[in-house]
Amino acid sequence: MQITAAAQDPLATRADLLAVGVFKGGIEGPGAAPVLGALGLDALPVTPGFRGDIGQHLLLAAPGLDVGGVLLVGLGRMDEADAERLRRAAAVAARAGGRARRLATTLAEVHPTGASVQAVAEGFLLGAHSEDRFRSAPASDASRLDEVVILTPSSRLSQARDAIRRAEVYSRATIGARRLVDLPPSAKRPAQLADAIAELVGEACEVQIRDEAVLAAQGFGGILAVGAGSSHPPRLVTLRHRPRDPLGHVVLVGKGITFDSGGLSLKSPAGMMEMKADMAGAAAIAGACAAMAELGVRVEVTALLPLAENLPSGTAQRPDDVLTAFGGTTVEVADTDAEGRLVLADALALAAADEPDAIVDLATLTGSVIAGLGQYAAGAMSNDPDLLAAVQAAAELAGESVWPLPLWPELDRFLASDVADLRNIADRPRCDPGGGAITAALFLRRFAGDVPWLHLDIAGPAFLSPALSTDYRGPGATGFGVRTLLTWLERRA
């Protein structure tokens, strides 16, 4: 899809569709009044199916205009309109376009800023994306848009074009992450996924891939233990973004379980569905890394992406096993379905040894975070309040919901082991302290050392079923975390 900006009168625009915004209660958004006047309407049509709520749309015939139709798009309450509402409204327009190939819109004029133009462009690009690689024909509801024209005054044309370029970079990175997650498990065994990540980042980053022999020689016991049940051995991918005269150094760590059966602590058949998405943290970081050079990120970034397939077999790790993570910490394995924290432990210990300014990890780690926050938000836990505030602010700007959770010290003692330094889960028979998302983060904190560290549990928003998908989020992989990371890194510099 091509997105451009043009200083045109909406009434003189030629397009298959003209999309204008409408606030809840039939309040006209910018550009709507003259368009409705040209259609001979004194007031906005409000029907039981269209009241201007976010997610709603209404198609009107457009006699007298040089467009095939006028698409009214709900913006919700006027006092709640922000960049994220515009992003969502644009995605609705992209999906409601039917057979339209060229669409013009005044949506960005709700808040005439570069951030609004970027949000609208992202909404169209992300909303129009459809995963059709494994279909014999495109989905019937797939967007057919080839071109979107964002209408803006001539005084803001240059700013709008810059914002569109940024939106294209952000969206390309997000879609790159989505495409990795949406691959079937048979197409992304650890070695295959490592190669796909290298292809995604291209020349944007230095790439190093450790195979199983190197992992064994260097003591990555967590990654090796998790991957032991699969005939496809694990990998550890390192990506490096090295700008000239860097303004600090951060390490990003992403969980990359290419398929999670639970191992010998086997999941139910229903519980295994969508477990191809258990590498969404690694995918989000890879997508972000692919965009850093193009955005001119001034921070040096190292990404550590441990990749493993968690399967049961005669060689799989067992409950009661004790492994030695990178750096020497021993871990009692009480549940092989708590495997993500084991691969992250290795990577976090390696990251901490590098003494960066900050470590941020992304992982589809626990079902508990979904129980607490729902499907659309990530839980954030950190040992550093300033880092937590900075990432949460970046997430808000990016339109991704992140909510802080505490690291209750009272729960830390439940990770004690009778036979090793740590136990990989806190709950025991007749003694479950709850707070599974928190105890998982407390486990990870042990490996981050004294470095400022933040953990994002993205189990909820990383992958959405058709029933849960909305506007530009899903169905399938969402690419959650890419835009937050890029926004945080750009602001950090």
Protein backbone atom coordinates (compact mmCIF):
# COMPACT_ATOMS: atom_id res chain seq x y z
CA MET A 1 0.00 0.00 0.00
CA GLN A 2 1.21 3.51 -0.86
CA ILE A 3 0.39 6.34 1.52
CA THR A 4 0.77 9.95 0.47
CA ALA A 5 -0.17 13.38 1.80
CA ALA A 6 -1.93 15.97 -0.32
CA ALA A 7 -3.17 19.52 0.22
CA GLN A 8 -6.57 19.02 -1.42
CA ASP A 9 -10.10 20.13 -0.72
CA PRO A 10 -12.05 17.00 0.30
CA LEU A 11 -14.87 18.07 -2.00
CA ALA A 12 -12.51 18.14 -4.99
CA THR A 13 -10.78 14.86 -4.23
CA ARG A 14 -10.99 11.94 -6.64
CA ALA A 15 -11.03 8.54 -4.95
CA ASP A 16 -13.03 5.36 -4.60
CA LEU A 17 -13.80 6.32 -1.00
CA LEU A 18 -13.57 9.43 1.16
CA ALA A 19 -13.24 8.59 4.87
CA VAL A 20 -14.20 11.22 7.45
CA GLY A 21 -14.38 10.99 11.22
CA VAL A 22 -17.49 11.24 13.38
CA PHE A 23 -17.54 11.58 17.16
CA LYS A 24 -19.96 9.71 19.40
CA GLY A 25 -23.44 11.19 19.37
CA GLY A 26 -23.29 12.40 15.78
CA ILE A 27 -20.77 15.20 16.31
CA GLU A 28 -18.98 16.01 13.08
CA GLY A 29 -15.25 15.55 12.98
CA PRO A 30 -12.92 17.75 10.91
CA GLY A 31 -13.84 17.64 7.24
CA ALA A 32 -17.20 16.01 7.85
CA ALA A 33 -19.42 19.12 7.77
CA PRO A 34 -18.66 20.28 4.20
CA VAL A 35 -18.85 16.72 2.92
CA LEU A 36 -22.27 16.15 4.49
CA GLY A 37 -23.40 19.51 3.21
CA ALA A 38 -22.38 18.52 -0.29
CA LEU A 39 -24.45 15.37 0.13
CA GLY A 40 -27.50 17.45 1.10
CA LEU A 41 -27.54 16.21 4.70
CA ASP A 42 -28.34 18.70 7.46
CA ALA A 43 -27.19 16.33 10.19
CA LEU A 44 -25.20 13.18 10.56
CA PRO A 45 -27.18 10.01 10.06
CA VAL A 46 -27.28 8.10 13.34
CA THR A 47 -28.60 4.55 13.15
CA PRO A 48 -28.73 1.70 15.67
CA GLY A 49 -25.56 0.36 14.06
CA PHE A 50 -23.74 3.67 13.86
CA ARG A 51 -23.52 6.15 16.70
CA GLY A 52 -19.96 7.31 16.19
CA ASP A 53 -18.46 4.76 18.57
CA ILE A 54 -14.89 3.64 17.97
CA GLY A 55 -14.95 0.61 15.68
CA GLN A 56 -18.16 1.62 13.88
CA HIS A 57 -18.50 2.78 10.29
CA LEU A 58 -21.25 3.73 7.85
CA LEU A 59 -21.00 3.91 4.05
CA LEU A 60 -22.97 6.62 2.24
CA ALA A 61 -23.58 7.15 -1.45
CA ALA A 62 -21.89 10.32 -2.74
CA PRO A 63 -23.89 11.89 -5.59
CA GLY A 64 -22.28 15.11 -6.74
CA LEU A 65 -18.81 14.23 -5.44
CA ASP A 66 -15.99 12.69 -7.43
CA VAL A 67 -15.73 9.73 -5.05
CA GLY A 68 -17.41 6.34 -5.09
CA GLY A 69 -18.75 6.78 -1.57
CA VAL A 70 -18.28 8.52 1.76
CA LEU A 71 -17.21 6.34 4.69
CA LEU A 72 -18.15 7.71 8.11
CA VAL A 73 -15.78 6.31 10.74
CA GLY A 74 -16.53 6.43 14.46
CA LEU A 75 -14.03 8.23 16.71
CA GLY A 76 -15.73 7.71 20.07
CA ARG A 77 -16.10 10.52 22.60
CA MET A 78 -14.67 13.85 21.50
CA ASP A 79 -12.92 14.40 24.84
CA GLU A 80 -11.14 11.03 24.51
CA ALA A 81 -9.85 11.47 20.96
CA ASP A 82 -6.11 10.87 20.77
CA ALA A 83 -3.55 9.37 18.41
CA GLU A 84 -4.49 5.80 19.33
CA ARG A 85 -8.18 6.46 18.53
CA LEU A 86 -7.07 7.76 15.13
CA ARG A 87 -4.90 4.68 14.59
CA ARG A 88 -7.86 2.43 15.36
CA ALA A 89 -10.27 4.46 13.22
CA ALA A 90 -7.90 4.33 10.26
CA ALA A 91 -7.66 0.55 10.62
CA VAL A 92 -11.45 0.30 10.60
CA ALA A 93 -11.51 2.36 7.40
CA ALA A 94 -8.87 0.12 5.83
CA ARG A 95 -10.91 -3.00 6.55
CA ALA A 96 -14.26 -1.45 5.63
CA GLY A 97 -13.10 -0.27 2.23
CA GLY A 98 -14.53 -3.25 0.37
CA ARG A 99 -13.28 -3.21 -3.19
CA ALA A 100 -11.91 0.34 -2.98
CA ARG A 101 -8.40 0.77 -4.35
CA ARG A 102 -7.88 4.49 -3.62
CA LEU A 103 -9.06 6.12 -0.41
CA ALA A 104 -8.72 9.72 0.73
CA THR A 105 -9.21 10.77 4.34
CA THR A 106 -9.42 13.78 6.64
CA LEU A 107 -8.93 11.69 9.80
CA ALA A 108 -5.54 13.22 10.63
CA GLU A 109 -7.14 16.66 11.00
CA VAL A 110 -8.82 15.61 14.26
CA HIS A 111 -5.51 16.53 15.91
CA PRO A 112 -3.45 18.31 13.25
CA THR A 113 0.01 17.17 14.35
CA GLY A 114 2.72 14.95 12.94
CA ALA A 115 1.89 12.34 15.59
CA SER A 116 -1.69 12.18 14.33
CA VAL A 117 -0.60 11.73 10.72
CA GLN A 118 1.78 8.97 11.81
CA ALA A 119 -0.99 7.26 13.77
CA VAL A 120 -3.43 7.41 10.86
CA ALA A 121 -0.84 6.06 8.43
CA GLU A 122 0.06 3.25 10.86
CA GLY A 123 -3.62 2.40 11.26
CA PHE A 124 -4.09 1.98 7.53
CA LEU A 125 -0.89 -0.02 7.07
CA LEU A 126 -1.42 -2.32 10.05
CA GLY A 127 -5.17 -2.60 9.57
CA ALA A 128 -4.78 -3.61 5.93
CA HIS A 129 -2.20 -6.29 6.70
CA SER A 130 -3.56 -9.80 6.24
CA GLU A 131 -1.77 -13.12 6.70
CA ASP A 132 -2.42 -14.87 3.40
CA ARG A 133 0.83 -16.80 2.84
CA PHE A 134 -0.77 -20.13 3.63
CA ARG A 135 -4.15 -19.59 1.92
CA SER A 136 -4.98 -20.68 -1.60
CA ALA A 137 -6.76 -17.33 -2.04
CA PRO A 138 -6.84 -14.08 -0.04
CA ALA A 139 -9.38 -13.82 2.76
CA SER A 140 -12.74 -12.49 1.58
CA ASP A 141 -12.53 -9.53 3.96
CA ALA A 142 -8.93 -8.61 3.12
CA SER A 143 -8.33 -4.96 2.29
CA ARG A 144 -7.83 -4.19 -1.39
CA LEU A 145 -6.48 -0.70 -0.88
CA ASP A 146 -3.53 0.26 -3.07
CA GLU A 147 -3.31 3.93 -2.13
CA VAL A 148 -4.34 6.13 0.79
CA VAL A 149 -4.20 9.91 0.53
CA ILE A 150 -4.08 11.80 3.83
CA LEU A 151 -5.59 15.23 3.25
CA THR A 152 -3.86 18.07 5.08
CA PRO A 153 -3.40 21.84 4.67
CA SER A 154 -0.43 22.92 2.54
CA SER A 155 1.19 24.51 5.61
CA ARG A 156 1.58 21.05 7.18
CA LEU A 157 2.35 19.07 4.04
CA SER A 158 6.08 18.63 4.70
CA GLN A 159 5.44 17.59 8.31
CA ALA A 160 2.82 15.10 7.14
CA ARG A 161 5.17 13.51 4.63
CA ASP A 162 7.85 13.08 7.30
CA ALA A 163 5.28 11.48 9.60
CA ILE A 164 4.20 9.08 6.87
CA ARG A 165 7.79 7.98 6.33
CA ARG A 166 8.12 7.23 10.05
CA ALA A 167 4.83 5.34 10.02
CA GLU A 168 6.06 3.21 7.15
CA VAL A 169 9.21 2.26 9.08
CA TYR A 170 7.29 1.48 12.28
CA SER A 171 4.65 -0.51 10.42
CA ARG A 172 7.16 -2.44 8.35
CA ALA A 173 8.94 -3.45 11.57
CA THR A 174 5.67 -4.47 13.22
CA ILE A 175 4.53 -6.49 10.22
CA GLY A 176 7.95 -8.15 10.05
CA ALA A 177 7.46 -9.33 13.63
CA ARG A 178 3.91 -10.47 12.88
CA ARG A 179 5.06 -12.55 9.95
CA LEU A 180 7.59 -14.39 12.11
CA VAL A 181 4.97 -15.18 14.75
CA ASP A 182 2.38 -16.28 12.20
CA LEU A 183 4.71 -18.88 10.70
CA PRO A 184 3.54 -22.42 11.53
CA PRO A 185 5.77 -24.28 14.00
CA SER A 186 6.97 -26.67 11.30
CA ALA A 187 8.41 -23.72 9.39
CA LYS A 188 10.27 -22.12 12.29
CA ARG A 189 12.32 -24.70 14.12
CA PRO A 190 15.06 -22.88 16.04
CA ALA A 191 17.61 -22.95 13.20
CA GLN A 192 14.95 -21.89 10.68
CA LEU A 193 13.78 -19.03 12.88
CA ALA A 194 17.35 -17.87 13.43
CA ASP A 195 17.79 -17.67 9.66
CA ALA A 196 14.46 -15.86 9.25
CA ILE A 197 15.49 -13.29 11.86
CA ALA A 198 18.81 -12.75 10.09
CA GLU A 199 16.93 -12.24 6.83
CA LEU A 200 14.51 -9.78 8.47
CA VAL A 201 17.22 -7.52 9.88
CA GLY A 202 19.39 -7.79 6.77
CA GLU A 203 22.25 -5.31 6.85
CA ALA A 204 20.66 -3.24 9.63
CA CYS A 205 22.43 -5.18 12.41
CA GLU A 206 25.37 -7.45 13.00
CA VAL A 207 24.13 -11.01 13.43
CA GLN A 208 25.68 -13.86 15.42
CA ILE A 209 24.05 -17.29 15.79
CA ARG A 210 25.28 -19.72 18.47
CA ASP A 211 24.49 -23.36 17.71
CA GLU A 212 24.08 -26.16 20.24
CA ALA A 213 27.79 -26.97 20.34
CA VAL A 214 28.73 -23.39 21.20
CA LEU A 215 25.89 -23.16 23.73
CA ALA A 216 27.20 -26.27 25.48
CA ALA A 217 30.80 -25.07 25.45
CA GLN A 218 29.83 -21.69 26.90
CA GLY A 219 27.49 -23.01 29.60
CA PHE A 220 24.00 -22.02 28.47
CA GLY A 221 22.29 -24.71 30.52
CA GLY A 222 18.80 -23.25 30.46
CA ILE A 223 18.50 -23.01 26.68
CA LEU A 224 19.96 -26.48 26.21
CA ALA A 225 17.66 -28.05 28.81
CA VAL A 226 14.52 -26.60 27.26
CA GLY A 227 15.54 -27.68 23.77
CA ALA A 228 16.66 -31.17 24.82
CA GLY A 229 13.35 -32.83 23.96
CA SER A 230 13.37 -31.73 20.34
CA SER A 231 15.35 -33.23 17.47
CA HIS A 232 15.83 -29.63 16.32
CA PRO A 233 18.47 -28.13 18.65
CA PRO A 234 18.29 -24.62 20.10
CA ARG A 235 19.98 -21.45 18.98
CA LEU A 236 20.95 -18.13 20.55
CA VAL A 237 20.74 -15.20 18.14
CA THR A 238 22.62 -12.00 18.93
CA LEU A 239 21.84 -8.80 17.02
CA ARG A 240 23.92 -5.64 17.40
CA HIS A 241 23.01 -2.11 16.38
CA ARG A 242 26.16 0.00 16.63
CA PRO A 243 25.62 3.68 15.79
CA ARG A 244 28.50 6.10 15.58
CA ASP A 245 29.11 7.88 18.91
CA PRO A 246 26.39 5.93 20.76
CA LEU A 247 24.44 7.51 23.58
CA GLY A 248 24.56 4.59 25.99
CA HIS A 249 24.01 0.85 25.61
CA VAL A 250 20.91 -1.24 26.26
CA VAL A 251 20.29 -4.97 25.91
CA LEU A 252 16.98 -6.39 24.71
CA VAL A 253 16.15 -10.00 25.56
CA GLY A 254 13.32 -11.85 23.82
CA LYS A 255 11.80 -15.24 24.61
CA GLY A 256 11.87 -17.43 21.51
CA ILE A 257 10.08 -20.71 22.17
CA THR A 258 9.21 -21.77 18.62
CA PHE A 259 6.53 -24.15 19.88
CA ASP A 260 5.54 -24.88 23.46
CA SER A 261 3.90 -28.23 24.15
CA GLY A 262 4.74 -27.89 27.83
CA GLY A 263 7.35 -30.63 27.55
CA LEU A 264 6.82 -33.56 29.93
CA SER A 265 4.55 -31.27 31.99
CA LEU A 266 2.32 -31.53 28.95
CA LYS A 267 -0.32 -28.94 28.10
CA SER A 268 -3.84 -29.97 27.14
CA PRO A 269 -4.64 -30.10 23.41
CA ALA A 270 -6.53 -26.81 23.71
CA GLY A 271 -3.65 -25.33 25.68
CA MET A 272 -1.24 -26.03 22.83
CA MET A 273 -3.25 -24.03 20.31
CA GLU A 274 -1.54 -20.76 19.39
CA MET A 275 1.70 -21.88 21.05
CA LYS A 276 3.46 -21.04 17.80
CA ALA A 277 3.26 -17.51 19.22
CA ASP A 278 5.49 -18.32 22.20
CA MET A 279 8.37 -16.63 20.39
CA ALA A 280 6.55 -13.30 20.02
CA GLY A 281 9.01 -11.54 22.36
CA ALA A 282 11.96 -12.52 20.17
CA ALA A 283 10.00 -11.55 17.05
CA ALA A 284 9.13 -8.10 18.41
CA ILE A 285 12.75 -7.38 19.23
CA ALA A 286 13.90 -8.62 15.82
CA GLY A 287 11.34 -6.37 14.13
CA ALA A 288 12.49 -3.38 16.16
CA CYS A 289 16.14 -4.10 15.38
CA ALA A 290 15.36 -4.15 11.67
CA ALA A 291 14.19 -0.52 11.90
CA MET A 292 16.79 1.03 14.21
CA ALA A 293 19.32 2.05 11.58
CA GLU A 294 16.67 3.58 9.33
CA LEU A 295 15.28 5.60 12.24
CA GLY A 296 18.76 6.71 13.28
CA VAL A 297 18.52 5.29 16.82
CA ARG A 298 21.51 6.76 18.68
CA VAL A 299 21.65 4.13 21.43
CA GLU A 300 23.83 1.05 21.02
CA VAL A 301 21.54 -1.97 21.20
CA THR A 302 22.37 -5.63 21.72
CA ALA A 303 19.53 -8.12 21.28
CA LEU A 304 19.72 -11.62 22.74
CA LEU A 305 17.12 -14.03 21.38
CA PRO A 306 17.21 -17.58 22.83
CA LEU A 307 15.33 -19.96 20.51
CA ALA A 308 14.21 -23.46 21.52
CA GLU A 309 11.40 -25.93 20.88
CA ASN A 310 9.79 -27.35 24.04
CA LEU A 311 8.72 -30.92 23.26
CA PRO A 312 8.36 -34.17 25.25
CA SER A 313 10.59 -37.10 24.38
CA GLY A 314 13.02 -39.55 25.91
CA THR A 315 15.69 -36.86 25.88
CA ALA A 316 13.54 -34.05 27.30
CA GLN A 317 14.28 -32.39 30.62
CA ARG A 318 12.28 -33.81 33.53
CA PRO A 319 10.65 -32.39 36.64
CA ASP A 320 13.24 -32.73 39.45
CA ASP A 321 16.14 -32.07 37.07
CA VAL A 322 18.71 -29.49 38.15
CA LEU A 323 20.35 -27.34 35.50
CA THR A 324 23.14 -24.79 35.63
CA ALA A 325 22.32 -21.51 33.92
CA PHE A 326 24.87 -19.24 32.28
CA GLY A 327 26.93 -17.69 35.05
CA GLY A 328 26.63 -20.65 37.42
CA THR A 329 23.22 -20.33 39.11
CA THR A 330 21.58 -23.74 39.58
CA VAL A 331 17.85 -24.18 39.00
CA GLU A 332 15.55 -26.99 40.10
CA VAL A 333 13.03 -27.75 37.35
CA ALA A 334 9.67 -28.23 39.04
CA ASP A 335 7.59 -27.74 35.90
CA THR A 336 8.85 -28.14 32.33
CA ASP A 337 6.01 -25.89 31.14
CA ALA A 338 7.71 -22.99 32.93
CA GLU A 339 10.42 -23.13 30.29
CA GLY A 340 10.45 -19.55 29.04
CA ARG A 341 12.10 -18.27 32.19
CA LEU A 342 14.86 -20.87 31.79
CA VAL A 343 15.95 -19.65 28.36
CA LEU A 344 15.56 -16.04 29.51
CA ALA A 345 17.73 -16.75 32.57
CA ASP A 346 20.68 -17.63 30.35
CA ALA A 347 20.20 -14.57 28.17
CA LEU A 348 19.66 -12.19 31.09
CA ALA A 349 22.81 -13.43 32.83
CA LEU A 350 24.77 -12.89 29.61
CA ALA A 351 23.25 -9.42 29.28
CA ALA A 352 24.08 -8.47 32.87
CA ALA A 353 27.69 -9.58 32.40
CA ASP A 354 28.00 -6.91 29.70
CA GLU A 355 27.07 -4.19 32.27
CA PRO A 356 24.75 -2.21 29.97
CA ASP A 357 22.80 0.87 31.03
CA ALA A 358 19.53 -1.08 30.97
CA ILE A 359 18.05 -4.47 30.14
CA VAL A 360 14.51 -4.91 28.81
CA ASP A 361 13.04 -8.35 28.20
CA LEU A 362 9.86 -9.25 26.31
CA ALA A 363 8.17 -12.60 26.79
CA THR A 364 4.85 -14.36 26.40
CA LEU A 365 5.56 -15.69 29.86
CA THR A 366 2.45 -16.40 31.94
CA GLY A 367 -1.27 -16.96 31.75
CA SER A 368 -1.48 -15.19 35.09
CA VAL A 369 -0.87 -11.81 33.50
CA ILE A 370 -3.92 -12.35 31.27
CA ALA A 371 -6.02 -13.22 34.32
CA GLY A 372 -4.94 -9.97 35.93
CA LEU A 373 -4.87 -7.51 33.03
CA GLY A 374 -6.92 -9.09 30.26
CA GLN A 375 -5.95 -9.85 26.70
CA TYR A 376 -5.05 -6.36 25.49
CA ALA A 377 -2.36 -5.18 27.92
CA ALA A 378 1.15 -6.23 28.90
CA GLY A 379 2.34 -6.37 32.48
CA ALA A 380 5.52 -4.47 33.32
CA MET A 381 7.77 -5.26 36.27
CA SER A 382 11.08 -3.58 37.01
CA ASN A 383 13.79 -3.03 39.59
CA ASP A 384 14.13 0.59 38.46
CA PRO A 385 11.24 3.12 38.75
CA ASP A 386 12.74 5.51 36.19
CA LEU A 387 13.09 2.78 33.58
CA LEU A 388 9.54 1.62 34.25
CA ALA A 389 8.19 5.16 33.84
CA ALA A 390 10.12 5.71 30.61
CA VAL A 391 8.92 2.49 28.98
CA GLN A 392 5.35 3.04 30.10
CA ALA A 393 5.40 6.57 28.65
CA ALA A 394 6.78 5.23 25.37
CA ALA A 395 4.07 2.57 25.26
CA GLU A 396 1.37 5.19 25.72
CA LEU A 397 2.77 7.25 22.84
CA ALA A 398 3.00 4.13 20.69
CA GLY A 399 -0.59 3.10 21.41
CA GLU A 400 0.32 -0.11 23.26
CA SER A 401 -1.17 -0.75 26.69
CA VAL A 402 1.38 -1.47 29.43
CA TRP A 403 0.42 -1.68 33.10
CA PRO A 404 2.89 -1.83 36.02
CA LEU A 405 2.78 -4.76 38.43
CA PRO A 406 4.64 -4.96 41.76
CA LEU A 407 7.51 -7.23 42.66
CA TRP A 408 6.21 -8.20 46.11
CA PRO A 409 9.20 -9.29 48.21
CA GLU A 410 6.93 -11.62 50.22
CA LEU A 411 6.64 -13.87 47.16
CA ASP A 412 10.37 -14.20 46.62
CA ARG A 413 10.80 -16.92 49.25
CA PHE A 414 8.56 -19.30 47.31
CA LEU A 415 11.30 -19.62 44.68
CA ALA A 416 13.63 -21.23 47.21
CA SER A 417 14.72 -24.77 46.41
CA ASP A 418 15.77 -27.58 48.74
CA VAL A 419 18.32 -28.86 46.22
CA ALA A 420 19.44 -25.88 44.09
CA ASP A 421 19.86 -22.11 44.17
CA LEU A 422 16.36 -21.54 42.74
CA ARG A 423 13.16 -23.32 41.79
CA ASN A 424 11.63 -22.45 38.41
CA ILE A 425 8.07 -22.08 39.76
CA ALA A 426 6.76 -20.79 43.06
CA ASP A 427 3.66 -22.93 43.54
CA ARG A 428 3.92 -26.27 45.31
CA PRO A 429 1.39 -28.91 46.33
CA ARG A 430 -0.94 -27.41 48.96
CA CYS A 431 1.01 -24.13 48.83
CA ASP A 432 0.32 -21.86 45.87
CA PRO A 433 1.05 -18.21 46.70
CA GLY A 434 -0.62 -16.96 43.50
CA GLY A 435 0.72 -14.00 41.58
CA GLY A 436 2.24 -16.18 38.88
CA ALA A 437 3.23 -13.25 36.66
CA ILE A 438 5.02 -11.64 39.61
CA THR A 439 6.84 -14.76 40.79
CA ALA A 440 8.01 -15.38 37.21
CA ALA A 441 9.44 -11.86 37.11
CA LEU A 442 11.06 -12.35 40.52
CA PHE A 443 12.77 -15.41 39.10
CA LEU A 444 14.08 -13.40 36.14
CA ARG A 445 15.25 -10.57 38.40
CA ARG A 446 17.79 -12.94 39.98
CA PHE A 447 19.65 -13.08 36.65
CA ALA A 448 19.63 -9.37 35.79
CA GLY A 449 21.98 -8.55 38.65
CA ASP A 450 22.25 -4.88 39.61
CA VAL A 451 21.55 -3.57 36.10
CA PRO A 452 18.35 -1.51 35.66
CA TRP A 453 15.97 -4.11 34.26
CA LEU A 454 12.39 -4.24 33.05
CA HIS A 455 10.29 -7.27 32.16
CA LEU A 456 7.30 -7.04 29.81
CA ASP A 457 4.95 -10.02 29.98
CA ILE A 458 3.17 -9.79 26.62
CA ALA A 459 1.25 -13.07 26.85
CA GLY A 460 -2.08 -11.27 26.43
CA PRO A 461 -1.68 -8.88 23.49
CA ALA A 462 0.93 -10.73 21.40
CA PHE A 463 -1.57 -12.96 19.59
CA LEU A 464 -5.34 -12.52 19.28
CA SER A 465 -7.87 -15.04 18.03
CA PRO A 466 -10.48 -13.83 15.51
CA ALA A 467 -13.01 -13.43 18.32
CA LEU A 468 -10.63 -11.16 20.25
CA SER A 469 -9.10 -9.21 17.36
CA THR A 470 -9.97 -5.55 16.95
CA ASP A 471 -9.22 -2.90 14.33
CA TYR A 472 -5.48 -3.19 13.57
CA ARG A 473 -4.78 -5.83 16.25
CA GLY A 474 -5.10 -9.33 14.87
CA PRO A 475 -6.45 -11.77 14.08
CA GLY A 476 -3.24 -13.63 14.77
CA ALA A 477 0.04 -11.98 15.60
CA THR A 478 -0.12 -8.29 16.53
CA GLY A 479 3.56 -7.35 16.67
CA PHE A 480 2.99 -5.97 20.16
CA GLY A 481 6.08 -4.33 21.63
CA VAL A 482 7.79 -3.23 18.42
CA ARG A 483 6.44 0.33 18.50
CA THR A 484 6.99 0.66 22.25
CA LEU A 485 10.64 -0.37 21.96
CA LEU A 486 11.34 1.94 19.03
CA THR A 487 9.61 4.87 20.72
CA TRP A 488 11.51 4.26 23.96
CA LEU A 489 14.87 3.99 22.20
CA GLU A 490 14.29 7.13 20.13
CA ARG A 491 13.24 9.10 23.20
CA ARG A 492 16.16 7.72 25.24
CA ALA A 493 18.61 9.39 22.89
